[in-house]
Protein backbone atom coordinates (compact mmCIF):
# COMPACT_ATOMS: atom_id res chain seq x y z
CA UNK A 1 14.52 45.12 -0.71
CA UNK A 2 11.94 42.70 -3.17
CA UNK A 3 12.07 38.99 -1.69
CA UNK A 4 12.90 37.37 -4.64
CA UNK A 5 9.48 34.81 -4.99
CA UNK A 6 9.82 31.00 -3.76
CA UNK A 7 8.89 29.73 -7.19
CA UNK A 8 9.77 32.23 -10.37
CA UNK A 9 8.78 30.98 -13.61
CA UNK A 10 12.92 30.27 -14.55
CA UNK A 11 12.14 27.64 -11.89
CA UNK A 12 8.97 26.75 -12.82
CA UNK A 13 10.15 25.87 -16.40
CA UNK A 14 13.47 23.96 -15.44
CA UNK A 15 10.62 21.72 -13.49
CA UNK A 16 7.99 21.45 -16.13
CA UNK A 17 10.69 20.16 -18.28
CA UNK A 18 11.46 17.46 -15.85
CA UNK A 19 7.80 16.58 -16.07
CA UNK A 20 8.06 16.22 -19.66
CA UNK A 21 10.42 13.78 -20.16
CA UNK A 22 9.59 10.29 -21.83
CA UNK A 23 6.96 7.85 -19.93
CA UNK A 24 5.57 9.86 -17.82
CA UNK A 25 1.98 9.01 -18.81
CA UNK A 26 0.58 10.41 -15.15
CA UNK A 27 3.12 11.99 -12.88
CA UNK A 28 3.20 14.50 -15.82
CA UNK A 29 2.48 18.12 -16.83
CA UNK A 30 -1.55 17.60 -16.13
CA UNK A 31 -0.96 15.76 -12.37
CA UNK A 32 0.78 19.07 -11.29
CA UNK A 33 -1.64 21.60 -12.96
CA UNK A 34 -4.98 19.57 -11.04
CA UNK A 35 -3.02 19.67 -7.61
CA UNK A 36 -2.10 23.82 -8.16
CA UNK A 37 -5.49 24.16 -9.41
CA UNK A 38 -6.36 22.08 -6.24
CA UNK A 39 -4.34 24.36 -4.10
CA UNK A 40 -5.79 27.06 -5.50
CA UNK A 41 -9.37 26.21 -4.42
CA UNK A 42 -8.31 25.36 -0.65
CA UNK A 43 -6.55 28.02 -0.34
CA UNK A 44 -7.87 29.65 2.40
CA UNK A 45 -7.54 26.71 4.04
CA UNK A 46 -3.50 26.68 3.95
CA UNK A 47 -1.39 28.07 6.40
CA UNK A 48 1.83 28.84 3.91
CA UNK A 49 0.14 28.15 0.16
CA UNK A 50 3.34 29.27 -1.20
CA UNK A 51 4.95 26.33 0.59
CA UNK A 52 2.38 23.74 -0.24
CA UNK A 53 2.71 25.17 -4.25
CA UNK A 54 6.42 24.61 -4.21
CA UNK A 55 5.94 20.52 -2.85
CA UNK A 56 3.24 20.50 -5.52
CA UNK A 57 6.13 21.52 -8.15
CA UNK A 58 8.85 19.08 -6.49
CA UNK A 59 6.98 16.19 -5.63
CA UNK A 60 7.35 13.77 -8.46
CA UNK A 61 9.81 16.05 -10.20
CA UNK A 62 12.24 12.90 -9.94
CA UNK A 63 10.47 9.99 -11.80
CA UNK A 64 11.62 6.95 -12.34
CA UNK A 65 9.22 3.89 -12.14
CA UNK A 66 12.05 1.40 -11.36
CA UNK A 67 13.84 3.26 -8.50
CA UNK A 68 12.03 3.17 -4.79
CA UNK A 69 13.57 6.16 -3.58
CA UNK A 70 11.82 9.06 -5.99
CA UNK A 71 9.96 10.66 -3.06
CA UNK A 72 13.77 11.55 -1.23
CA UNK A 73 15.78 12.27 -4.44
CA UNK A 74 12.59 14.92 -5.11
CA UNK A 75 12.77 16.35 -1.75
CA UNK A 76 16.83 16.74 -2.33
CA UNK A 77 15.83 18.37 -5.65
CA UNK A 78 13.67 20.83 -3.47
CA UNK A 79 16.92 21.30 -0.84
CA UNK A 80 18.92 22.33 -3.38
CA UNK A 81 17.02 23.99 -5.70
CA UNK A 82 15.20 26.66 -3.05
CA UNK A 83 18.08 27.04 -0.72
CA UNK A 84 18.34 30.57 -0.13
CA UNK A 85 14.83 31.39 -1.18
CA UNK A 86 13.53 30.54 2.27
CA UNK A 87 13.55 30.05 5.62
CA UNK A 88 15.53 26.74 6.78
CA UNK A 89 12.17 26.33 9.01
CA UNK A 90 10.36 26.68 5.75
CA UNK A 91 12.57 24.66 3.61
CA UNK A 92 12.18 22.40 5.93
CA UNK A 93 8.70 21.82 5.89
CA UNK A 94 8.65 21.46 2.23
CA UNK A 95 10.88 18.79 1.64
CA UNK A 96 9.05 17.35 4.94
CA UNK A 97 6.01 17.28 2.72
CA UNK A 98 7.25 15.62 -0.28
CA UNK A 99 8.91 12.77 1.71
CA UNK A 100 5.34 11.75 2.97
CA UNK A 101 4.59 11.43 -0.34
CA UNK A 102 6.09 7.83 0.28
CA UNK A 103 3.89 7.13 2.10
CA UNK A 104 1.39 9.24 2.15
CA UNK A 105 1.50 9.20 6.14
CA UNK A 106 1.70 13.11 7.84
CA UNK A 107 5.65 14.15 8.49
CA UNK A 108 6.14 14.56 12.20
CA UNK A 109 5.82 18.21 13.92
CA UNK A 110 4.75 19.67 16.47
CA UNK A 111 3.09 22.03 14.44
CA UNK A 112 -0.67 22.46 13.76
CA UNK A 113 -0.21 24.15 10.87
CA UNK A 114 2.36 22.18 9.26
CA UNK A 115 0.22 19.21 9.78
CA UNK A 116 -2.91 20.86 8.44
CA UNK A 117 -0.83 22.05 5.26
CA UNK A 118 0.64 18.78 5.03
CA UNK A 119 -2.39 16.45 5.21
CA UNK A 120 -3.93 19.04 2.48
CA UNK A 121 -1.64 18.70 0.43
CA UNK A 122 -1.57 14.68 0.51
CA UNK A 123 -5.03 14.73 -0.47
CA UNK A 124 -4.54 16.67 -3.10
CA UNK A 125 -2.02 14.47 -4.44
CA UNK A 126 -4.61 11.63 -3.80
CA UNK A 127 -7.51 12.87 -5.05
CA UNK A 128 -7.30 11.06 -8.32
CA UNK A 129 -8.37 8.01 -5.96
CA UNK A 130 -11.77 9.58 -5.84
CA UNK A 131 -12.41 11.06 -9.30
CA UNK A 132 -14.93 10.00 -11.62
CA UNK A 133 -14.64 6.65 -12.60
CA UNK A 134 -13.23 6.97 -16.30
CA UNK A 135 -10.65 9.71 -14.71
CA UNK A 136 -10.02 7.38 -12.42
CA UNK A 137 -9.89 4.26 -15.03
CA UNK A 138 -7.49 6.71 -17.45
CA UNK A 139 -5.33 7.07 -14.18
CA UNK A 140 -4.73 3.25 -13.46
CA UNK A 141 -4.38 2.63 -17.40
CA UNK A 142 -1.50 5.49 -17.53
CA UNK A 143 0.11 4.69 -14.17
CA UNK A 144 0.31 1.01 -15.77
CA UNK A 145 2.19 2.60 -19.01
CA UNK A 146 4.84 3.82 -16.38
CA UNK A 147 5.48 0.34 -15.21
CA UNK A 148 5.43 -1.51 -18.69
CA UNK A 149 8.88 -2.83 -17.47
CA UNK A 150 6.49 -5.09 -14.93
CA UNK A 151 5.09 -8.25 -16.39
CA UNK A 152 1.04 -8.78 -15.80
CA UNK A 153 1.26 -11.39 -12.91
CA UNK A 154 3.98 -9.08 -10.88
CA UNK A 155 1.42 -5.73 -11.98
CA UNK A 156 -1.42 -6.84 -10.77
CA UNK A 157 0.10 -8.39 -7.15
CA UNK A 158 1.97 -5.41 -6.60
CA UNK A 159 -1.14 -2.59 -7.53
CA UNK A 160 -3.62 -4.54 -5.56
CA UNK A 161 -1.21 -4.49 -2.56
CA UNK A 162 -0.71 -0.81 -2.82
CA UNK A 163 -4.54 -0.30 -3.24
CA UNK A 164 -5.40 -2.36 -0.76
CA UNK A 165 -3.07 -0.13 1.88
CA UNK A 166 -5.85 2.52 0.89
CA UNK A 167 -9.01 0.32 1.67
CA UNK A 168 -7.54 -0.65 5.51
CA UNK A 169 -7.06 3.37 6.41
CA UNK A 170 -10.14 4.27 8.51
CA UNK A 171 -10.12 7.44 6.21
CA UNK A 172 -7.89 7.80 3.06
CA UNK A 173 -8.33 11.28 2.94
CA UNK A 174 -6.51 12.75 6.29
CA UNK A 175 -9.00 16.44 5.97
CA UNK A 176 -12.78 16.71 6.49
CA UNK A 177 -13.06 18.81 3.31
CA UNK A 178 -11.67 16.12 1.08
CA UNK A 179 -13.70 13.09 2.81
CA UNK A 180 -16.38 14.71 1.98
CA UNK A 181 -15.71 15.19 -2.14
CA UNK A 182 -13.74 11.89 -2.50
CA UNK A 183 -13.30 8.90 0.47
CA UNK A 184 -16.85 7.10 -1.22
CA UNK A 185 -15.70 7.33 -4.61
CA UNK A 186 -11.88 6.64 -3.88
CA UNK A 187 -13.33 3.33 -2.51
CA UNK A 188 -15.64 2.57 -5.06
CA UNK A 189 -12.66 2.99 -7.65
CA UNK A 190 -10.16 1.26 -6.12
CA UNK A 191 -12.73 -1.81 -5.07
CA UNK A 192 -13.34 -2.05 -8.89
CA UNK A 193 -9.83 -2.17 -9.52
CA UNK A 194 -8.77 -4.61 -7.20
CA UNK A 195 -11.70 -7.06 -8.82
CA UNK A 196 -10.17 -5.98 -12.19
CA UNK A 197 -6.61 -7.27 -10.82
CA UNK A 198 -7.97 -10.42 -9.39
CA UNK A 199 -9.82 -11.01 -12.81
C-alpha cells in the first residue's frame, strides 16, 4: 500500500493560501520558498528532511503581529493537519521544531539527530539576518510594515531588544555551516540596524 506523503499538494495549497493573507509583508510565500531552498541545499545534513520541510511549511502558518502565541498556534495546526500522516513520535518532533521558533532555542531532546535537525531548521529561519545588506534592510522594512500599528518609539525599543538578544549569544547560528556562511554578516547587519533604531 502506498504511504500517504507527509506534505501532499492539497495541504501545501491550503498553507500557501494562509501565507498569502493580507499584511504578510515578510512572513509570506517568499519566506517559505527561501527556507525550502535552504532545506534542499542542506538535505544531506538532515536526518529527516521531510519532517524539516513540514516544519518549514507550518512554522508561520498562523501569524498575527498583535499576538504572542503564533508559534504555539502554528504548532497546534501542524499537530491537527498532520495527525494520522506520520508516527506520533515524528509528529511530536515537528511540533517541537515549530514551537522552538518562539525563542530560537533548541527543543529539549535526548536524540542527537532531532537536535541537529532542529538546529539546522532554526538556522534556516534566521538566515535572513546574515543576508546581504540590501536584502536584510528589505526584511527589516517588511517586518516594520507588519507592525504598522506600533508607534515608532515603541517599535524602536521593541525591535532593538529583539535584535540585542541575538548579539548577546555566543553564536547566532547553531550549526557550523551556517556560522561560517552567515554569522559575521548577521552581526554587522544587526549592529547597523541597532544604530539606525537608536538614531
